[in-house]
Amino acid sequence: MWILLVILAVPIIEIALFVQVGPVLGVFGTLAEVLASAALGVILMRREPQRNAAELRATLEQEQSPASPLAHSALRLFGAILIVLPGFFTDFMGLLLLVPPVRHILLVQLLTRLRDRHAQGDVTIIEGEYHRDPERPAPPEDRVEGPHKRD
């Protein structure tokens, strides 16, 4: 439900900001800001894979979990995408995601929510039994060819 609200609210916020900021910057200033931010976003998106690879390599060399660098990289990439989108609000939100302390706070909040949701038991587990019927072999597309052991 909240995703729908965000999808509806962002264009309204952007239009309101264009109406407020447009007269101050003028037509050419507004266009220049939109084009410059789009160019910056594209540059950031193109640099992210190399940065991500370097961070992952360093993390794995230290024998640490790659989860944190991957999460930070995903947020940086999302920030770059927001910067590419035309508008002052999306540019601001994208720039916020490029700030390491902001990303850290967001990731801590996300992990806390996920942990709390899991601890509350919102997950449904359906137990069942499995048995193989020797009269009905697996279809050919589900078979694994090659040597195998039976227990």
N, C-alpha and C. Protein backbone atom coordinates (compact mmCIF):
# COMPACT_ATOMS: atom_id res chain seq x y z
N MET A 1 0.82 -1.19 0.00
CA MET A 1 0.00 0.00 0.00
C MET A 1 0.87 1.26 0.00
N TRP A 2 1.93 1.23 0.80
CA TRP A 2 2.77 2.43 0.89
C TRP A 2 3.52 2.68 -0.41
N ILE A 3 3.79 1.62 -1.19
CA ILE A 3 4.46 1.81 -2.48
C ILE A 3 3.57 2.60 -3.42
N LEU A 4 2.29 2.32 -3.40
CA LEU A 4 1.34 3.06 -4.23
C LEU A 4 1.32 4.53 -3.84
N LEU A 5 1.37 4.80 -2.53
CA LEU A 5 1.40 6.19 -2.08
C LEU A 5 2.66 6.91 -2.55
N VAL A 6 3.79 6.22 -2.50
CA VAL A 6 5.05 6.82 -2.97
C VAL A 6 4.97 7.10 -4.46
N ILE A 7 4.45 6.14 -5.22
CA ILE A 7 4.35 6.32 -6.68
C ILE A 7 3.45 7.50 -7.02
N LEU A 8 2.41 7.71 -6.23
CA LEU A 8 1.52 8.85 -6.47
C LEU A 8 2.09 10.16 -5.94
N ALA A 9 2.80 10.10 -4.82
CA ALA A 9 3.28 11.32 -4.17
C ALA A 9 4.49 11.93 -4.87
N VAL A 10 5.40 11.12 -5.39
CA VAL A 10 6.64 11.66 -5.97
C VAL A 10 6.36 12.60 -7.14
N PRO A 11 5.52 12.26 -8.11
CA PRO A 11 5.26 13.22 -9.19
C PRO A 11 4.62 14.52 -8.70
N ILE A 12 3.74 14.41 -7.71
CA ILE A 12 3.11 15.62 -7.17
C ILE A 12 4.16 16.50 -6.49
N ILE A 13 5.05 15.90 -5.73
CA ILE A 13 6.13 16.66 -5.08
C ILE A 13 7.03 17.29 -6.13
N GLU A 14 7.38 16.54 -7.16
CA GLU A 14 8.25 17.07 -8.22
C GLU A 14 7.60 18.25 -8.93
N ILE A 15 6.32 18.14 -9.26
CA ILE A 15 5.63 19.25 -9.94
C ILE A 15 5.61 20.47 -9.03
N ALA A 16 5.31 20.27 -7.75
CA ALA A 16 5.28 21.40 -6.82
C ALA A 16 6.65 22.06 -6.72
N LEU A 17 7.71 21.27 -6.69
CA LEU A 17 9.05 21.84 -6.62
C LEU A 17 9.43 22.56 -7.91
N PHE A 18 9.04 22.02 -9.06
CA PHE A 18 9.30 22.72 -10.32
C PHE A 18 8.57 24.05 -10.36
N VAL A 19 7.35 24.09 -9.85
CA VAL A 19 6.59 25.34 -9.82
C VAL A 19 7.27 26.35 -8.90
N GLN A 20 7.82 25.89 -7.77
CA GLN A 20 8.47 26.79 -6.82
C GLN A 20 9.87 27.22 -7.27
N VAL A 21 10.66 26.28 -7.75
CA VAL A 21 12.07 26.55 -8.08
C VAL A 21 12.22 27.07 -9.50
N GLY A 22 11.33 26.67 -10.39
CA GLY A 22 11.41 27.07 -11.80
C GLY A 22 11.55 28.57 -12.01
N PRO A 23 10.69 29.39 -11.40
CA PRO A 23 10.83 30.84 -11.60
C PRO A 23 12.15 31.41 -11.06
N VAL A 24 12.70 30.79 -10.03
CA VAL A 24 13.96 31.28 -9.46
C VAL A 24 15.12 30.98 -10.40
N LEU A 25 15.17 29.75 -10.93
CA LEU A 25 16.26 29.37 -11.82
C LEU A 25 16.03 29.79 -13.26
N GLY A 26 14.78 29.95 -13.63
CA GLY A 26 14.46 30.24 -15.02
C GLY A 26 14.40 28.96 -15.83
N VAL A 27 13.96 29.09 -17.07
CA VAL A 27 13.80 27.91 -17.92
C VAL A 27 15.15 27.25 -18.18
N PHE A 28 16.15 28.05 -18.57
CA PHE A 28 17.45 27.47 -18.91
C PHE A 28 18.16 26.92 -17.68
N GLY A 29 18.02 27.59 -16.55
CA GLY A 29 18.63 27.09 -15.32
C GLY A 29 18.02 25.76 -14.89
N THR A 30 16.70 25.67 -15.01
CA THR A 30 16.02 24.42 -14.65
C THR A 30 16.42 23.30 -15.60
N LEU A 31 16.45 23.59 -16.90
CA LEU A 31 16.88 22.57 -17.86
C LEU A 31 18.33 22.16 -17.62
N ALA A 32 19.18 23.14 -17.31
CA ALA A 32 20.59 22.83 -17.04
C ALA A 32 20.72 21.92 -15.83
N GLU A 33 19.93 22.19 -14.78
CA GLU A 33 19.99 21.34 -13.58
C GLU A 33 19.53 19.93 -13.90
N VAL A 34 18.46 19.80 -14.65
CA VAL A 34 17.94 18.48 -15.00
C VAL A 34 18.95 17.70 -15.84
N LEU A 35 19.54 18.36 -16.84
CA LEU A 35 20.51 17.68 -17.70
C LEU A 35 21.80 17.35 -16.95
N ALA A 36 22.27 18.28 -16.12
CA ALA A 36 23.50 18.04 -15.36
C ALA A 36 23.31 16.90 -14.37
N SER A 37 22.17 16.88 -13.70
CA SER A 37 21.95 15.79 -12.73
C SER A 37 21.81 14.45 -13.45
N ALA A 38 21.19 14.44 -14.62
CA ALA A 38 21.08 13.20 -15.38
C ALA A 38 22.47 12.71 -15.79
N ALA A 39 23.32 13.62 -16.24
CA ALA A 39 24.69 13.24 -16.63
C ALA A 39 25.46 12.71 -15.42
N LEU A 40 25.32 13.36 -14.27
CA LEU A 40 25.98 12.89 -13.06
C LEU A 40 25.49 11.50 -12.68
N GLY A 41 24.19 11.27 -12.76
CA GLY A 41 23.64 9.96 -12.44
C GLY A 41 24.17 8.87 -13.35
N VAL A 42 24.28 9.17 -14.63
CA VAL A 42 24.81 8.18 -15.58
C VAL A 42 26.27 7.87 -15.26
N ILE A 43 27.05 8.90 -14.95
CA ILE A 43 28.46 8.68 -14.58
C ILE A 43 28.55 7.79 -13.35
N LEU A 44 27.72 8.08 -12.35
CA LEU A 44 27.74 7.27 -11.12
C LEU A 44 27.32 5.83 -11.39
N MET A 45 26.33 5.64 -12.25
CA MET A 45 25.89 4.28 -12.58
C MET A 45 26.98 3.51 -13.31
N ARG A 46 27.72 4.18 -14.16
CA ARG A 46 28.77 3.49 -14.93
C ARG A 46 29.97 3.15 -14.05
N ARG A 47 30.22 3.94 -13.00
CA ARG A 47 31.36 3.69 -12.12
C ARG A 47 31.07 2.65 -11.05
N GLU A 48 29.81 2.43 -10.75
CA GLU A 48 29.45 1.56 -9.62
C GLU A 48 29.94 0.11 -9.77
N PRO A 49 29.86 -0.52 -10.93
CA PRO A 49 30.35 -1.91 -11.00
C PRO A 49 31.83 -2.05 -10.64
N GLN A 50 32.67 -1.13 -11.09
CA GLN A 50 34.10 -1.21 -10.76
C GLN A 50 34.31 -0.99 -9.25
N ARG A 51 33.58 -0.02 -8.71
CA ARG A 51 33.70 0.26 -7.28
C ARG A 51 33.23 -0.94 -6.47
N ASN A 52 32.13 -1.52 -6.89
CA ASN A 52 31.58 -2.68 -6.20
C ASN A 52 32.57 -3.85 -6.24
N ALA A 53 33.15 -4.10 -7.40
CA ALA A 53 34.11 -5.20 -7.54
C ALA A 53 35.32 -4.99 -6.63
N ALA A 54 35.82 -3.76 -6.56
CA ALA A 54 36.98 -3.48 -5.70
C ALA A 54 36.63 -3.69 -4.23
N GLU A 55 35.44 -3.23 -3.82
CA GLU A 55 35.04 -3.40 -2.42
C GLU A 55 34.83 -4.88 -2.09
N LEU A 56 34.22 -5.62 -3.01
CA LEU A 56 34.02 -7.05 -2.77
C LEU A 56 35.35 -7.79 -2.68
N ARG A 57 36.27 -7.45 -3.57
CA ARG A 57 37.59 -8.08 -3.55
C ARG A 57 38.28 -7.83 -2.21
N ALA A 58 38.25 -6.58 -1.75
CA ALA A 58 38.90 -6.25 -0.48
C ALA A 58 38.22 -6.97 0.69
N THR A 59 36.91 -7.04 0.65
CA THR A 59 36.17 -7.71 1.73
C THR A 59 36.47 -9.21 1.75
N LEU A 60 36.48 -9.83 0.59
CA LEU A 60 36.75 -11.26 0.53
C LEU A 60 38.19 -11.59 0.88
N GLU A 61 39.13 -10.70 0.56
CA GLU A 61 40.52 -10.92 0.95
C GLU A 61 40.67 -10.89 2.47
N GLN A 62 39.82 -10.11 3.14
CA GLN A 62 39.84 -10.05 4.60
C GLN A 62 38.96 -11.13 5.22
N GLU A 63 38.41 -11.99 4.37
CA GLU A 63 37.55 -13.10 4.78
C GLU A 63 36.35 -12.63 5.60
N GLN A 64 35.72 -11.55 5.13
CA GLN A 64 34.52 -11.02 5.76
C GLN A 64 33.33 -11.27 4.85
N SER A 65 32.15 -11.07 5.40
CA SER A 65 30.93 -11.26 4.63
C SER A 65 30.78 -10.15 3.59
N PRO A 66 30.39 -10.51 2.37
CA PRO A 66 30.20 -9.49 1.33
C PRO A 66 28.84 -8.80 1.40
N ALA A 67 28.03 -9.11 2.40
CA ALA A 67 26.67 -8.56 2.47
C ALA A 67 26.67 -7.04 2.57
N SER A 68 27.51 -6.49 3.42
CA SER A 68 27.51 -5.03 3.61
C SER A 68 27.95 -4.29 2.35
N PRO A 69 29.07 -4.67 1.71
CA PRO A 69 29.43 -3.97 0.48
C PRO A 69 28.37 -4.10 -0.62
N LEU A 70 27.73 -5.25 -0.70
CA LEU A 70 26.68 -5.43 -1.71
C LEU A 70 25.48 -4.54 -1.41
N ALA A 71 25.10 -4.44 -0.15
CA ALA A 71 23.96 -3.60 0.22
C ALA A 71 24.28 -2.13 -0.04
N HIS A 72 25.48 -1.69 0.33
CA HIS A 72 25.87 -0.30 0.08
C HIS A 72 25.91 -0.02 -1.42
N SER A 73 26.42 -0.97 -2.19
CA SER A 73 26.47 -0.79 -3.63
C SER A 73 25.08 -0.68 -4.23
N ALA A 74 24.15 -1.50 -3.74
CA ALA A 74 22.77 -1.44 -4.25
C ALA A 74 22.15 -0.09 -3.94
N LEU A 75 22.39 0.44 -2.75
CA LEU A 75 21.84 1.75 -2.40
C LEU A 75 22.50 2.87 -3.21
N ARG A 76 23.81 2.76 -3.45
CA ARG A 76 24.46 3.77 -4.29
C ARG A 76 23.90 3.73 -5.71
N LEU A 77 23.69 2.54 -6.23
CA LEU A 77 23.12 2.41 -7.58
C LEU A 77 21.70 2.97 -7.63
N PHE A 78 20.90 2.69 -6.61
CA PHE A 78 19.55 3.24 -6.55
C PHE A 78 19.61 4.77 -6.46
N GLY A 79 20.57 5.30 -5.69
CA GLY A 79 20.74 6.75 -5.62
C GLY A 79 21.10 7.33 -6.97
N ALA A 80 21.96 6.66 -7.72
CA ALA A 80 22.32 7.14 -9.06
C ALA A 80 21.12 7.13 -9.99
N ILE A 81 20.29 6.09 -9.87
CA ILE A 81 19.07 6.04 -10.70
C ILE A 81 18.14 7.19 -10.35
N LEU A 82 18.00 7.49 -9.06
CA LEU A 82 17.16 8.62 -8.65
C LEU A 82 17.71 9.94 -9.19
N ILE A 83 19.03 10.07 -9.24
CA ILE A 83 19.63 11.30 -9.76
C ILE A 83 19.38 11.43 -11.25
N VAL A 84 19.35 10.33 -11.98
CA VAL A 84 19.08 10.37 -13.42
C VAL A 84 17.65 10.86 -13.68
N LEU A 85 16.71 10.47 -12.84
CA LEU A 85 15.32 10.89 -13.04
C LEU A 85 15.21 12.40 -12.93
N PRO A 86 14.42 13.03 -13.80
CA PRO A 86 14.30 14.49 -13.73
C PRO A 86 13.50 14.93 -12.51
N GLY A 87 14.03 15.90 -11.80
CA GLY A 87 13.32 16.45 -10.66
C GLY A 87 14.25 16.78 -9.52
N PHE A 88 13.82 17.75 -8.72
CA PHE A 88 14.64 18.19 -7.59
C PHE A 88 14.55 17.22 -6.42
N PHE A 89 13.36 16.70 -6.16
CA PHE A 89 13.16 15.78 -5.03
C PHE A 89 13.93 14.48 -5.24
N THR A 90 13.83 13.90 -6.43
CA THR A 90 14.55 12.65 -6.69
C THR A 90 16.06 12.87 -6.68
N ASP A 91 16.50 14.04 -7.15
CA ASP A 91 17.94 14.36 -7.07
C ASP A 91 18.39 14.42 -5.61
N PHE A 92 17.60 15.08 -4.77
CA PHE A 92 17.95 15.20 -3.36
C PHE A 92 17.99 13.83 -2.69
N MET A 93 16.98 13.00 -2.96
CA MET A 93 16.95 11.67 -2.36
C MET A 93 18.12 10.82 -2.87
N GLY A 94 18.43 10.94 -4.15
CA GLY A 94 19.56 10.20 -4.70
C GLY A 94 20.88 10.64 -4.09
N LEU A 95 21.05 11.94 -3.91
CA LEU A 95 22.28 12.44 -3.29
C LEU A 95 22.39 11.97 -1.84
N LEU A 96 21.26 11.90 -1.14
CA LEU A 96 21.29 11.39 0.24
C LEU A 96 21.80 9.95 0.28
N LEU A 97 21.41 9.16 -0.71
CA LEU A 97 21.85 7.76 -0.73
C LEU A 97 23.34 7.61 -1.04
N LEU A 98 23.96 8.67 -1.50
CA LEU A 98 25.40 8.62 -1.76
C LEU A 98 26.22 8.93 -0.51
N VAL A 99 25.56 9.38 0.56
CA VAL A 99 26.25 9.73 1.81
C VAL A 99 26.35 8.46 2.67
N PRO A 100 27.57 8.01 2.99
CA PRO A 100 27.73 6.74 3.73
C PRO A 100 26.95 6.66 5.05
N PRO A 101 26.96 7.69 5.92
CA PRO A 101 26.18 7.56 7.16
C PRO A 101 24.68 7.38 6.92
N VAL A 102 24.16 8.01 5.89
CA VAL A 102 22.73 7.86 5.58
C VAL A 102 22.46 6.42 5.14
N ARG A 103 23.31 5.88 4.29
CA ARG A 103 23.15 4.49 3.86
C ARG A 103 23.22 3.54 5.05
N HIS A 104 24.16 3.80 5.94
CA HIS A 104 24.31 2.95 7.12
C HIS A 104 23.04 2.96 7.97
N ILE A 105 22.49 4.14 8.20
CA ILE A 105 21.26 4.25 9.00
C ILE A 105 20.12 3.50 8.31
N LEU A 106 19.99 3.67 7.00
CA LEU A 106 18.93 2.97 6.27
C LEU A 106 19.09 1.45 6.36
N LEU A 107 20.31 0.98 6.22
CA LEU A 107 20.54 -0.47 6.29
C LEU A 107 20.27 -1.02 7.68
N VAL A 108 20.66 -0.27 8.72
CA VAL A 108 20.37 -0.71 10.08
C VAL A 108 18.86 -0.78 10.31
N GLN A 109 18.13 0.24 9.84
CA GLN A 109 16.67 0.24 9.97
C GLN A 109 16.06 -0.95 9.23
N LEU A 110 16.53 -1.20 8.02
CA LEU A 110 16.00 -2.30 7.23
C LEU A 110 16.26 -3.64 7.90
N LEU A 111 17.48 -3.85 8.38
CA LEU A 111 17.80 -5.11 9.05
C LEU A 111 17.00 -5.29 10.33
N THR A 112 16.79 -4.20 11.07
CA THR A 112 15.99 -4.27 12.29
C THR A 112 14.56 -4.67 11.97
N ARG A 113 13.99 -4.06 10.93
CA ARG A 113 12.62 -4.41 10.53
C ARG A 113 12.52 -5.86 10.09
N LEU A 114 13.48 -6.31 9.30
CA LEU A 114 13.46 -7.70 8.84
C LEU A 114 13.58 -8.67 10.01
N ARG A 115 14.47 -8.37 10.94
CA ARG A 115 14.66 -9.24 12.10
C ARG A 115 13.41 -9.26 12.96
N ASP A 116 12.80 -8.09 13.19
CA ASP A 116 11.58 -8.02 14.00
C ASP A 116 10.43 -8.76 13.33
N ARG A 117 10.30 -8.59 12.04
CA ARG A 117 9.22 -9.27 11.32
C ARG A 117 9.40 -10.78 11.39
N HIS A 118 10.64 -11.22 11.24
CA HIS A 118 10.91 -12.66 11.31
C HIS A 118 10.66 -13.18 12.73
N ALA A 119 11.03 -12.40 13.75
CA ALA A 119 10.85 -12.82 15.14
C ALA A 119 9.38 -12.87 15.53
N GLN A 120 8.53 -12.06 14.90
CA GLN A 120 7.11 -12.04 15.23
C GLN A 120 6.38 -13.25 14.68
N GLY A 121 7.00 -13.96 13.80
CA GLY A 121 6.37 -15.15 13.27
C GLY A 121 5.45 -14.88 12.11
N ASP A 122 5.70 -13.83 11.35
CA ASP A 122 4.89 -13.55 10.18
C ASP A 122 5.15 -14.55 9.05
N VAL A 123 6.16 -15.38 9.24
CA VAL A 123 6.51 -16.35 8.22
C VAL A 123 5.64 -17.60 8.41
N THR A 124 5.03 -18.07 7.35
CA THR A 124 4.21 -19.27 7.40
C THR A 124 5.03 -20.46 6.93
N ILE A 125 5.09 -21.47 7.77
CA ILE A 125 5.82 -22.69 7.42
C ILE A 125 4.79 -23.80 7.23
N ILE A 126 4.82 -24.40 6.09
CA ILE A 126 3.91 -25.50 5.81
C ILE A 126 4.73 -26.78 5.82
N GLU A 127 4.40 -27.66 6.77
CA GLU A 127 5.14 -28.90 6.87
C GLU A 127 4.49 -29.95 5.97
N GLY A 128 5.30 -30.81 5.46
CA GLY A 128 4.78 -31.86 4.60
C GLY A 128 5.74 -33.03 4.57
N GLU A 129 5.32 -34.07 3.93
CA GLU A 129 6.16 -35.25 3.81
C GLU A 129 6.45 -35.50 2.34
N TYR A 130 7.55 -36.17 2.10
CA TYR A 130 7.95 -36.48 0.73
C TYR A 130 8.29 -37.96 0.68
N HIS A 131 7.86 -38.61 -0.35
CA HIS A 131 8.28 -39.98 -0.59
C HIS A 131 8.35 -40.21 -2.09
N ARG A 132 9.21 -41.14 -2.47
CA ARG A 132 9.41 -41.45 -3.88
C ARG A 132 8.61 -42.71 -4.22
N ASP A 133 7.89 -42.62 -5.31
CA ASP A 133 7.11 -43.76 -5.78
C ASP A 133 7.94 -44.46 -6.86
N PRO A 134 8.44 -45.68 -6.57
CA PRO A 134 9.28 -46.37 -7.56
C PRO A 134 8.53 -46.72 -8.84
N GLU A 135 7.22 -46.74 -8.79
CA GLU A 135 6.42 -47.04 -9.97
C GLU A 135 6.36 -45.86 -10.94
N ARG A 136 6.66 -44.65 -10.45
CA ARG A 136 6.58 -43.45 -11.29
C ARG A 136 7.94 -42.75 -11.28
N PRO A 137 8.82 -43.06 -12.21
CA PRO A 137 10.13 -42.40 -12.25
C PRO A 137 9.99 -40.92 -12.63
N ALA A 138 11.02 -40.17 -12.31
CA ALA A 138 11.02 -38.74 -12.63
C ALA A 138 11.01 -38.53 -14.13
N PRO A 139 10.37 -37.45 -14.60
CA PRO A 139 10.40 -37.17 -16.04
C PRO A 139 11.83 -36.90 -16.51
N PRO A 140 12.12 -37.12 -17.78
CA PRO A 140 13.50 -36.97 -18.29
C PRO A 140 14.10 -35.59 -18.01
N GLU A 141 13.31 -34.52 -18.07
CA GLU A 141 13.88 -33.18 -17.86
C GLU A 141 14.29 -32.94 -16.41
N ASP A 142 13.81 -33.78 -15.46
CA ASP A 142 14.17 -33.62 -14.06
C ASP A 142 15.30 -34.56 -13.63
N ARG A 143 15.78 -35.39 -14.54
CA ARG A 143 16.82 -36.36 -14.20
C ARG A 143 18.20 -35.74 -14.35
N VAL A 144 19.09 -36.14 -13.47
CA VAL A 144 20.49 -35.71 -13.53
C VAL A 144 21.29 -36.90 -14.02
N GLU A 145 21.95 -36.73 -15.15
CA GLU A 145 22.74 -37.81 -15.73
C GLU A 145 24.12 -37.84 -15.09
N GLY A 146 24.71 -39.02 -15.07
CA GLY A 146 26.07 -39.14 -14.56
C GLY A 146 26.12 -40.10 -13.39
N PRO A 147 27.34 -40.32 -12.85
CA PRO A 147 27.48 -41.25 -11.74
C PRO A 147 26.82 -40.69 -10.48
N HIS A 148 26.22 -41.58 -9.72
CA HIS A 148 25.60 -41.17 -8.46
C HIS A 148 25.61 -42.34 -7.50
N LYS A 149 25.46 -42.04 -6.21
CA LYS A 149 25.45 -43.06 -5.16
C LYS A 149 24.05 -43.13 -4.56
N ARG A 150 23.67 -44.30 -4.18
CA ARG A 150 22.42 -44.48 -3.43
C ARG A 150 22.78 -44.69 -1.97
N ASP A 151 21.99 -44.11 -1.12
CA ASP A 151 22.22 -44.29 0.32
C ASP A 151 21.55 -45.52 0.84
